[in-house]
Amino acid sequence: MRFGLTFFPVLGPGEKPASTYYDECLELARLADGAGYEHVQVVEHYFSSYGGYSPDPVTLLTAIAAATDRIRVTTGAVVPAFTHPIKLAGKLAMLDNLSHGRLDVGFGRAFLPEEFAAFGVPMSESRTRFAQGVELCRRLWTERDVVSDHEWAAFGPVSMLPRPYQQPHPPIFVASTTSAESCAAAGRAGHHLQVVPTVTSREGLQDMLATYRQVRRDAGHDEPPRIQIKYTCYLGEDRARVLEQARRWEHNYIEKMTAAVSSWGATRSADYPGYEQLVAKVAKYDFDKSLADNKVLAGTPEEVGDQVATIAEWFGEDVTLSIQFNPGALPLADARAAVRLFAERVAPRFAAATVPVV
């Protein structure tokens, strides 16, 4: 197994200034770089305290790349539907060059109705724009005189500069929350995968990963797949204090997520089947059950190590855990200590934990 950091800001100005949050992310990224973590991943969201401090992952990842030497920088994920493919492909190619080939590109569809409304993008076009956007970025990175006749992104012929540092292009990941269909499409195309266990059962996620792996093999892609699974981790020697923090900041996350997904109570989209149930699912959140189900990592190094071992049994030893150590407004000292403690006491239990991708 390998391990990386993920940054998903679930906080707003009343809890911590944006500049402070970015400074703390940079410090944790530098620490992770020296401690052997594989990647740093950054989300894309807008407007609210549910991710709103991260409207452009590329900007923060560029700063992280400049402040580090080895660790990979990963979008987790950028949203093609919200950015013209020429602009998106160009920004990502620049970051790949600035980082000297340390970029992994995760693409996602987004799912919050307010974000689609603000960009004037119909949710009914989400799936189409996603597939077309990913393919156009790939073509702009690898081809000359690219022409697109898609109504939402018609252009050409154009030849992109700069070309990516990595050839033929940076590794492509597809983010999926609950859709086995999205996982199958990613496998068929030979892309890598980013998933979250939060709103999916263990069995559901196992089925998604099995589908992905099988379809990828059947499509003849020989390169080993890279699968990133995102978790939040609260770690320390004082178990009672760690669990108190975990309960507080996980409820903060649920509070922020509840507000962000509330419009799904009155929204329906064929591109998002079942998402109308999100409000009810989030309302049923139970921290103790989430901890018991290994949807959140919390406890002493030994306890968290046992959780990781169970996750490896469930989902495969080839997966990479992308871990959030600074949820909400958790004090930086606690996040810093957890990053170190995980690297020193948890990761060594897993043979390939600190082996970088080459």
Protein backbone atom coordinates (compact mmCIF):
# COMPACT_ATOMS: atom_id res chain seq x y z
CA MET A 1 0.00 0.00 0.00
CA ARG A 2 0.95 3.62 -0.51
CA PHE A 3 -0.26 6.69 1.37
CA GLY A 4 -0.81 10.30 0.42
CA LEU A 5 -2.37 13.49 1.78
CA THR A 6 -5.66 14.99 0.68
CA PHE A 7 -6.81 18.55 1.35
CA PHE A 8 -10.58 19.10 1.51
CA PRO A 9 -11.31 22.36 3.36
CA VAL A 10 -14.48 22.01 5.43
CA LEU A 11 -14.27 25.40 7.07
CA GLY A 12 -14.94 29.06 6.36
CA PRO A 13 -13.76 32.55 7.34
CA GLY A 14 -15.40 32.31 10.76
CA GLU A 15 -13.15 29.38 11.64
CA LYS A 16 -9.86 30.12 9.89
CA PRO A 17 -8.73 32.64 7.23
CA ALA A 18 -8.06 31.17 3.79
CA SER A 19 -4.45 32.37 3.86
CA THR A 20 -3.85 30.49 7.11
CA TYR A 21 -5.40 27.31 5.71
CA TYR A 22 -3.15 27.48 2.63
CA ASP A 23 -0.06 28.12 4.77
CA GLU A 24 -0.90 25.06 6.86
CA CYS A 25 -1.44 22.90 3.76
CA LEU A 26 1.98 23.93 2.47
CA GLU A 27 3.61 23.07 5.78
CA LEU A 28 1.94 19.65 5.90
CA ALA A 29 2.89 19.00 2.27
CA ARG A 30 6.54 19.78 2.98
CA LEU A 31 6.42 17.48 5.99
CA ALA A 32 4.82 14.69 3.93
CA ASP A 33 7.41 15.14 1.20
CA GLY A 34 10.21 14.44 3.65
CA ALA A 35 8.33 11.61 5.36
CA GLY A 36 7.87 9.52 2.20
CA TYR A 37 4.21 10.06 1.38
CA GLU A 38 3.35 9.34 -2.24
CA HIS A 39 1.12 12.29 -3.17
CA VAL A 40 -0.77 15.40 -2.14
CA GLN A 41 -4.31 15.68 -3.48
CA VAL A 42 -6.56 18.77 -3.71
CA VAL A 43 -10.33 18.95 -4.33
CA GLU A 44 -12.36 21.45 -6.43
CA HIS A 45 -15.47 23.07 -4.91
CA TYR A 46 -17.04 26.51 -4.77
CA PHE A 47 -18.86 29.04 -2.58
CA SER A 48 -19.56 27.19 0.68
CA SER A 49 -17.57 26.01 3.67
CA TYR A 50 -17.86 22.54 2.13
CA GLY A 51 -14.71 22.83 0.01
CA GLY A 52 -15.13 26.45 -1.02
CA TYR A 53 -11.57 27.40 -0.02
CA SER A 54 -10.40 25.26 -2.96
CA PRO A 55 -11.96 26.63 -6.17
CA ASP A 56 -8.79 25.91 -8.19
CA PRO A 57 -6.73 22.84 -7.22
CA VAL A 58 -4.06 23.74 -9.77
CA THR A 59 -3.17 26.96 -7.95
CA LEU A 60 -2.61 25.29 -4.59
CA LEU A 61 -0.83 22.31 -6.15
CA THR A 62 1.52 24.65 -8.02
CA ALA A 63 2.52 26.24 -4.71
CA ILE A 64 2.96 22.77 -3.20
CA ALA A 65 5.09 21.62 -6.14
CA ALA A 66 7.34 24.65 -5.69
CA ALA A 67 7.74 23.92 -1.98
CA THR A 68 8.53 20.19 -2.32
CA ASP A 69 11.00 17.96 -4.15
CA ARG A 70 9.60 14.47 -4.61
CA ILE A 71 5.94 14.10 -3.67
CA ARG A 72 3.41 13.82 -6.49
CA VAL A 73 0.73 16.51 -6.88
CA THR A 74 -2.75 15.23 -7.65
CA THR A 75 -6.01 16.90 -8.62
CA GLY A 76 -8.78 15.21 -6.75
CA ALA A 77 -10.52 16.28 -8.85
CA VAL A 78 -10.76 19.04 -11.47
CA VAL A 79 -14.18 19.43 -13.14
CA PRO A 80 -14.11 19.56 -16.97
CA ALA A 81 -17.71 20.78 -17.12
CA PHE A 82 -16.74 24.06 -15.42
CA THR A 83 -13.59 24.92 -17.43
CA HIS A 84 -13.03 25.13 -21.18
CA PRO A 85 -10.84 22.18 -22.22
CA ILE A 86 -8.19 24.41 -23.81
CA LYS A 87 -7.81 26.36 -20.56
CA LEU A 88 -7.89 23.20 -18.42
CA ALA A 89 -5.42 21.23 -20.55
CA GLY A 90 -3.07 24.22 -20.64
CA LYS A 91 -3.12 24.83 -16.88
CA LEU A 92 -2.47 21.16 -16.17
CA ALA A 93 0.35 20.93 -18.72
CA MET A 94 1.99 23.95 -17.08
CA LEU A 95 1.78 22.30 -13.67
CA ASP A 96 3.23 19.07 -15.07
CA ASN A 97 6.22 21.03 -16.37
CA LEU A 98 6.63 23.14 -13.22
CA SER A 99 6.64 19.98 -11.10
CA HIS A 100 8.96 18.16 -13.54
CA GLY A 101 6.47 15.37 -14.16
CA ARG A 102 5.01 14.91 -10.69
CA LEU A 103 1.40 15.52 -11.74
CA ASP A 104 -1.48 13.04 -11.55
CA VAL A 105 -4.73 14.38 -13.02
CA GLY A 106 -8.00 13.33 -11.39
CA PHE A 107 -11.13 14.39 -13.28
CA GLY A 108 -14.56 14.55 -11.62
CA ARG A 109 -18.12 15.36 -12.62
CA ALA A 110 -19.09 17.50 -9.57
CA PHE A 111 -22.47 16.93 -7.96
CA LEU A 112 -23.69 20.07 -6.21
CA PRO A 113 -26.65 21.75 -7.99
CA GLU A 114 -25.60 25.27 -6.90
CA GLU A 115 -22.24 24.90 -8.64
CA PHE A 116 -23.84 23.86 -11.93
CA ALA A 117 -26.33 26.71 -11.70
CA ALA A 118 -23.60 29.29 -11.06
CA PHE A 119 -21.66 28.17 -14.13
CA GLY A 120 -24.81 27.98 -16.25
CA VAL A 121 -24.20 24.30 -16.95
CA PRO A 122 -27.25 22.01 -17.04
CA MET A 123 -26.83 18.98 -14.80
CA SER A 124 -28.32 16.93 -17.62
CA GLU A 125 -25.08 17.57 -19.56
CA SER A 126 -22.80 16.50 -16.73
CA ARG A 127 -21.94 13.02 -17.98
CA THR A 128 -21.49 14.13 -21.57
CA ARG A 129 -19.29 17.13 -20.75
CA PHE A 130 -17.21 15.03 -18.41
CA ALA A 131 -16.44 12.34 -20.98
CA GLN A 132 -15.83 14.87 -23.75
CA GLY A 133 -13.72 17.12 -21.50
CA VAL A 134 -11.41 14.32 -20.39
CA GLU A 135 -10.94 13.11 -23.95
CA LEU A 136 -10.29 16.63 -25.26
CA CYS A 137 -7.62 17.23 -22.61
CA ARG A 138 -5.95 13.96 -23.56
CA ARG A 139 -6.03 14.90 -27.25
CA LEU A 140 -4.73 18.42 -26.62
CA TRP A 141 -1.79 16.92 -24.70
CA THR A 142 -0.92 14.31 -27.34
CA GLU A 143 -2.08 15.56 -30.76
CA ARG A 144 -1.54 18.51 -33.10
CA ASP A 145 -4.23 20.53 -34.86
CA VAL A 146 -6.98 19.31 -32.57
CA VAL A 147 -10.53 20.09 -33.69
CA SER A 148 -13.63 19.84 -31.50
CA ASP A 149 -17.19 20.10 -32.81
CA HIS A 150 -18.86 19.68 -29.42
CA GLU A 151 -21.45 22.42 -28.96
CA TRP A 152 -20.18 23.47 -25.53
CA ALA A 153 -16.52 23.44 -26.59
CA ALA A 154 -16.17 23.98 -30.31
CA PHE A 155 -12.70 24.97 -31.48
CA GLY A 156 -9.84 24.20 -33.80
CA PRO A 157 -7.57 23.41 -35.25
CA VAL A 158 -5.27 24.16 -32.28
CA SER A 159 -1.95 22.76 -31.09
CA MET A 160 -1.41 23.09 -27.35
CA LEU A 161 1.67 24.59 -25.74
CA PRO A 162 3.28 23.67 -23.49
CA ARG A 163 3.25 19.95 -24.11
CA PRO A 164 3.15 17.90 -20.89
CA TYR A 165 6.42 16.97 -19.21
CA GLN A 166 5.25 13.35 -18.87
CA GLN A 167 4.81 11.51 -22.13
CA PRO A 168 2.42 10.87 -23.64
CA HIS A 169 0.53 12.69 -20.86
CA PRO A 170 0.13 12.76 -17.05
CA PRO A 171 -1.63 9.74 -15.51
CA ILE A 172 -5.40 10.20 -15.73
CA PHE A 173 -7.67 9.31 -12.81
CA VAL A 174 -11.47 9.28 -12.79
CA ALA A 175 -13.28 10.18 -9.57
CA SER A 176 -16.38 8.15 -8.72
CA THR A 177 -18.59 8.30 -5.64
CA THR A 178 -21.26 5.64 -6.08
CA SER A 179 -21.33 4.70 -9.76
CA ALA A 180 -20.18 1.26 -10.93
CA GLU A 181 -20.89 2.55 -14.45
CA SER A 182 -18.31 5.34 -14.03
CA CYS A 183 -15.80 2.81 -12.68
CA ALA A 184 -16.40 0.54 -15.67
CA ALA A 185 -15.92 3.44 -18.09
CA ALA A 186 -12.66 4.37 -16.36
CA GLY A 187 -11.42 0.80 -16.60
CA ARG A 188 -12.40 0.48 -20.25
CA ALA A 189 -10.44 3.64 -21.08
CA GLY A 190 -7.41 2.47 -19.09
CA HIS A 191 -7.67 5.34 -16.60
CA HIS A 192 -6.88 5.12 -12.89
CA LEU A 193 -9.50 5.57 -10.17
CA GLN A 194 -10.33 7.81 -7.20
CA VAL A 195 -13.14 6.75 -4.83
CA VAL A 196 -14.56 7.68 -1.44
CA PRO A 197 -16.09 5.26 1.08
CA THR A 198 -18.23 7.86 2.85
CA VAL A 199 -21.65 7.33 1.21
CA THR A 200 -21.09 3.83 -0.16
CA SER A 201 -21.32 0.54 1.69
CA ARG A 202 -18.27 -1.68 1.93
CA GLU A 203 -19.97 -4.20 -0.35
CA GLY A 204 -20.93 -1.48 -2.80
CA LEU A 205 -17.37 -0.19 -3.00
CA GLN A 206 -16.02 -3.72 -3.37
CA ASP A 207 -18.39 -4.25 -6.30
CA MET A 208 -17.30 -0.96 -7.87
CA LEU A 209 -13.62 -1.90 -7.62
CA ALA A 210 -14.21 -5.44 -8.87
CA THR A 211 -16.07 -4.08 -11.88
CA TYR A 212 -13.30 -1.59 -12.57
CA ARG A 213 -10.52 -4.15 -12.36
CA GLN A 214 -12.35 -6.73 -14.49
CA VAL A 215 -13.37 -4.29 -17.23
CA ARG A 216 -9.82 -2.87 -17.30
CA ARG A 217 -8.34 -6.35 -17.75
CA ASP A 218 -10.90 -7.27 -20.38
CA ALA A 219 -10.04 -4.10 -22.31
CA GLY A 220 -6.42 -5.25 -22.52
CA HIS A 221 -4.80 -2.61 -20.33
CA ASP A 222 -1.67 -4.25 -18.94
CA GLU A 223 -0.39 -1.37 -16.80
CA PRO A 224 -1.25 -1.97 -13.13
CA PRO A 225 -4.19 0.21 -12.07
CA ARG A 226 -3.74 2.88 -9.42
CA ILE A 227 -6.69 3.18 -7.05
CA GLN A 228 -6.86 6.02 -4.52
CA ILE A 229 -9.36 5.79 -1.64
CA LYS A 230 -9.92 8.90 0.48
CA TYR A 231 -10.12 8.82 4.28
CA THR A 232 -9.95 11.27 7.16
CA CYS A 233 -7.55 10.29 9.93
CA TYR A 234 -7.31 11.39 13.59
CA LEU A 235 -4.19 9.98 15.18
CA GLY A 236 -2.41 10.31 18.51
CA GLU A 237 -1.12 8.51 21.58
CA ASP A 238 -3.97 9.82 23.79
CA ARG A 239 -6.90 7.75 22.53
CA ALA A 240 -9.60 9.64 24.45
CA ARG A 241 -8.42 13.01 23.14
CA VAL A 242 -8.13 11.72 19.57
CA LEU A 243 -11.66 10.29 19.59
CA GLU A 244 -13.02 13.53 21.05
CA GLN A 245 -11.41 15.45 18.18
CA ALA A 246 -12.63 12.93 15.64
CA ARG A 247 -16.22 13.16 16.85
CA ARG A 248 -16.12 16.96 16.80
CA TRP A 249 -14.59 17.41 13.36
CA GLU A 250 -16.52 14.60 11.71
CA HIS A 251 -19.74 16.22 12.89
CA ASN A 252 -18.42 19.52 11.52
CA TYR A 253 -17.91 17.78 8.16
CA ILE A 254 -21.44 16.39 8.24
CA GLU A 255 -22.85 19.79 9.17
CA LYS A 256 -21.08 21.41 6.22
CA MET A 257 -22.03 18.60 3.85
CA THR A 258 -25.69 18.72 4.97
CA ALA A 259 -25.91 22.38 4.00
CA ALA A 260 -24.13 21.76 0.69
CA VAL A 261 -26.36 18.88 -0.44
CA SER A 262 -29.66 20.28 0.88
CA SER A 263 -30.83 21.32 -2.60
CA TRP A 264 -30.86 17.65 -3.62
CA GLY A 265 -34.08 17.46 -1.62
CA ALA A 266 -35.77 19.22 -4.54
CA THR A 267 -33.41 18.30 -7.41
CA ARG A 268 -33.67 15.36 -9.79
CA SER A 269 -31.28 14.48 -12.61
CA ALA A 270 -31.02 11.43 -14.84
CA ASP A 271 -27.23 11.95 -14.78
CA TYR A 272 -27.30 11.47 -10.98
CA PRO A 273 -29.64 8.57 -10.22
CA GLY A 274 -30.28 8.16 -6.51
CA TYR A 275 -28.66 11.44 -5.48
CA GLU A 276 -32.01 12.67 -4.18
CA GLN A 277 -31.36 10.27 -1.30
CA LEU A 278 -28.19 12.12 -0.26
CA VAL A 279 -29.99 14.37 2.21
CA ALA A 280 -31.50 11.40 4.04
CA LYS A 281 -28.21 9.47 3.97
CA VAL A 282 -26.27 12.34 5.49
CA ALA A 283 -28.96 12.90 8.13
CA LYS A 284 -28.47 9.31 9.34
CA TYR A 285 -24.77 9.81 10.04
CA ASP A 286 -23.53 8.10 13.19
CA PHE A 287 -19.90 8.64 14.19
CA ASP A 288 -19.54 5.44 16.19
CA LYS A 289 -20.91 3.36 13.33
CA SER A 290 -18.69 5.19 10.85
CA LEU A 291 -15.65 4.40 12.99
CA ALA A 292 -16.68 0.76 13.42
CA ASP A 293 -17.21 0.48 9.66
CA ASN A 294 -13.73 1.92 8.97
CA LYS A 295 -15.12 4.89 7.05
CA VAL A 296 -13.02 7.17 9.24
CA LEU A 297 -9.61 6.36 10.73
CA ALA A 298 -9.21 7.31 14.39
CA GLY A 299 -7.27 6.18 17.43
CA THR A 300 -3.75 5.25 18.45
CA PRO A 301 -1.16 4.21 15.85
CA GLU A 302 -1.86 0.55 16.63
CA GLU A 303 -5.62 1.00 16.21
CA VAL A 304 -5.32 2.97 12.99
CA GLY A 305 -2.82 0.43 11.69
CA ASP A 306 -5.37 -2.31 12.33
CA GLN A 307 -8.00 -0.30 10.45
CA VAL A 308 -5.66 0.08 7.48
CA ALA A 309 -4.94 -3.65 7.52
CA THR A 310 -8.66 -4.36 7.37
CA ILE A 311 -9.10 -1.90 4.50
CA ALA A 312 -6.33 -3.71 2.62
CA GLU A 313 -8.16 -7.00 3.12
CA TRP A 314 -11.40 -5.48 1.86
CA PHE A 315 -10.18 -3.51 -1.13
CA GLY A 316 -6.75 -4.90 -2.03
CA GLU A 317 -3.16 -4.27 -1.01
CA ASP A 318 -2.60 -2.39 -4.29
CA VAL A 319 -4.77 0.57 -3.25
CA THR A 320 -3.40 3.94 -2.15
CA LEU A 321 -5.00 5.71 0.80
CA SER A 322 -5.33 9.46 0.32
CA ILE A 323 -5.63 10.77 3.86
CA GLN A 324 -6.92 14.05 5.27
CA PHE A 325 -5.06 14.94 8.46
CA ASN A 326 -6.30 18.56 8.76
CA PRO A 327 -10.11 18.45 8.67
CA GLY A 328 -12.07 21.55 9.57
CA ALA A 329 -10.18 23.90 11.84
CA LEU A 330 -8.18 21.17 13.60
CA PRO A 331 -5.11 22.85 15.17
CA LEU A 332 -2.03 22.64 12.95
CA ALA A 333 0.05 21.09 15.74
CA ASP A 334 -2.31 18.11 15.89
CA ALA A 335 -2.32 17.66 12.11
CA ARG A 336 1.47 17.93 11.99
CA ALA A 337 1.86 15.35 14.74
CA ALA A 338 -0.55 12.96 13.00
CA VAL A 339 1.33 13.19 9.68
CA ARG A 340 4.58 12.32 11.45
CA LEU A 341 3.08 9.59 13.61
CA PHE A 342 1.41 7.88 10.66
CA ALA A 343 4.68 7.87 8.72
CA GLU A 344 6.66 6.55 11.69
CA ARG A 345 4.25 4.07 13.27
CA VAL A 346 1.55 3.09 10.75
CA ALA A 347 3.08 3.16 7.26
CA PRO A 348 6.01 0.82 8.11
CA ARG A 349 3.49 -1.97 8.72
CA PHE A 350 2.79 -1.97 4.98
CA ALA A 351 5.78 -2.90 2.86
CA ALA A 352 5.37 -0.56 -0.12
CA ALA A 353 3.99 2.37 1.88
CA THR A 354 6.86 4.74 1.16
CA VAL A 355 7.82 3.57 -2.32
CA PRO A 356 7.36 6.49 -4.75
CA VAL A 357 5.80 6.05 -8.17
CA VAL A 358 8.42 6.23 -10.95
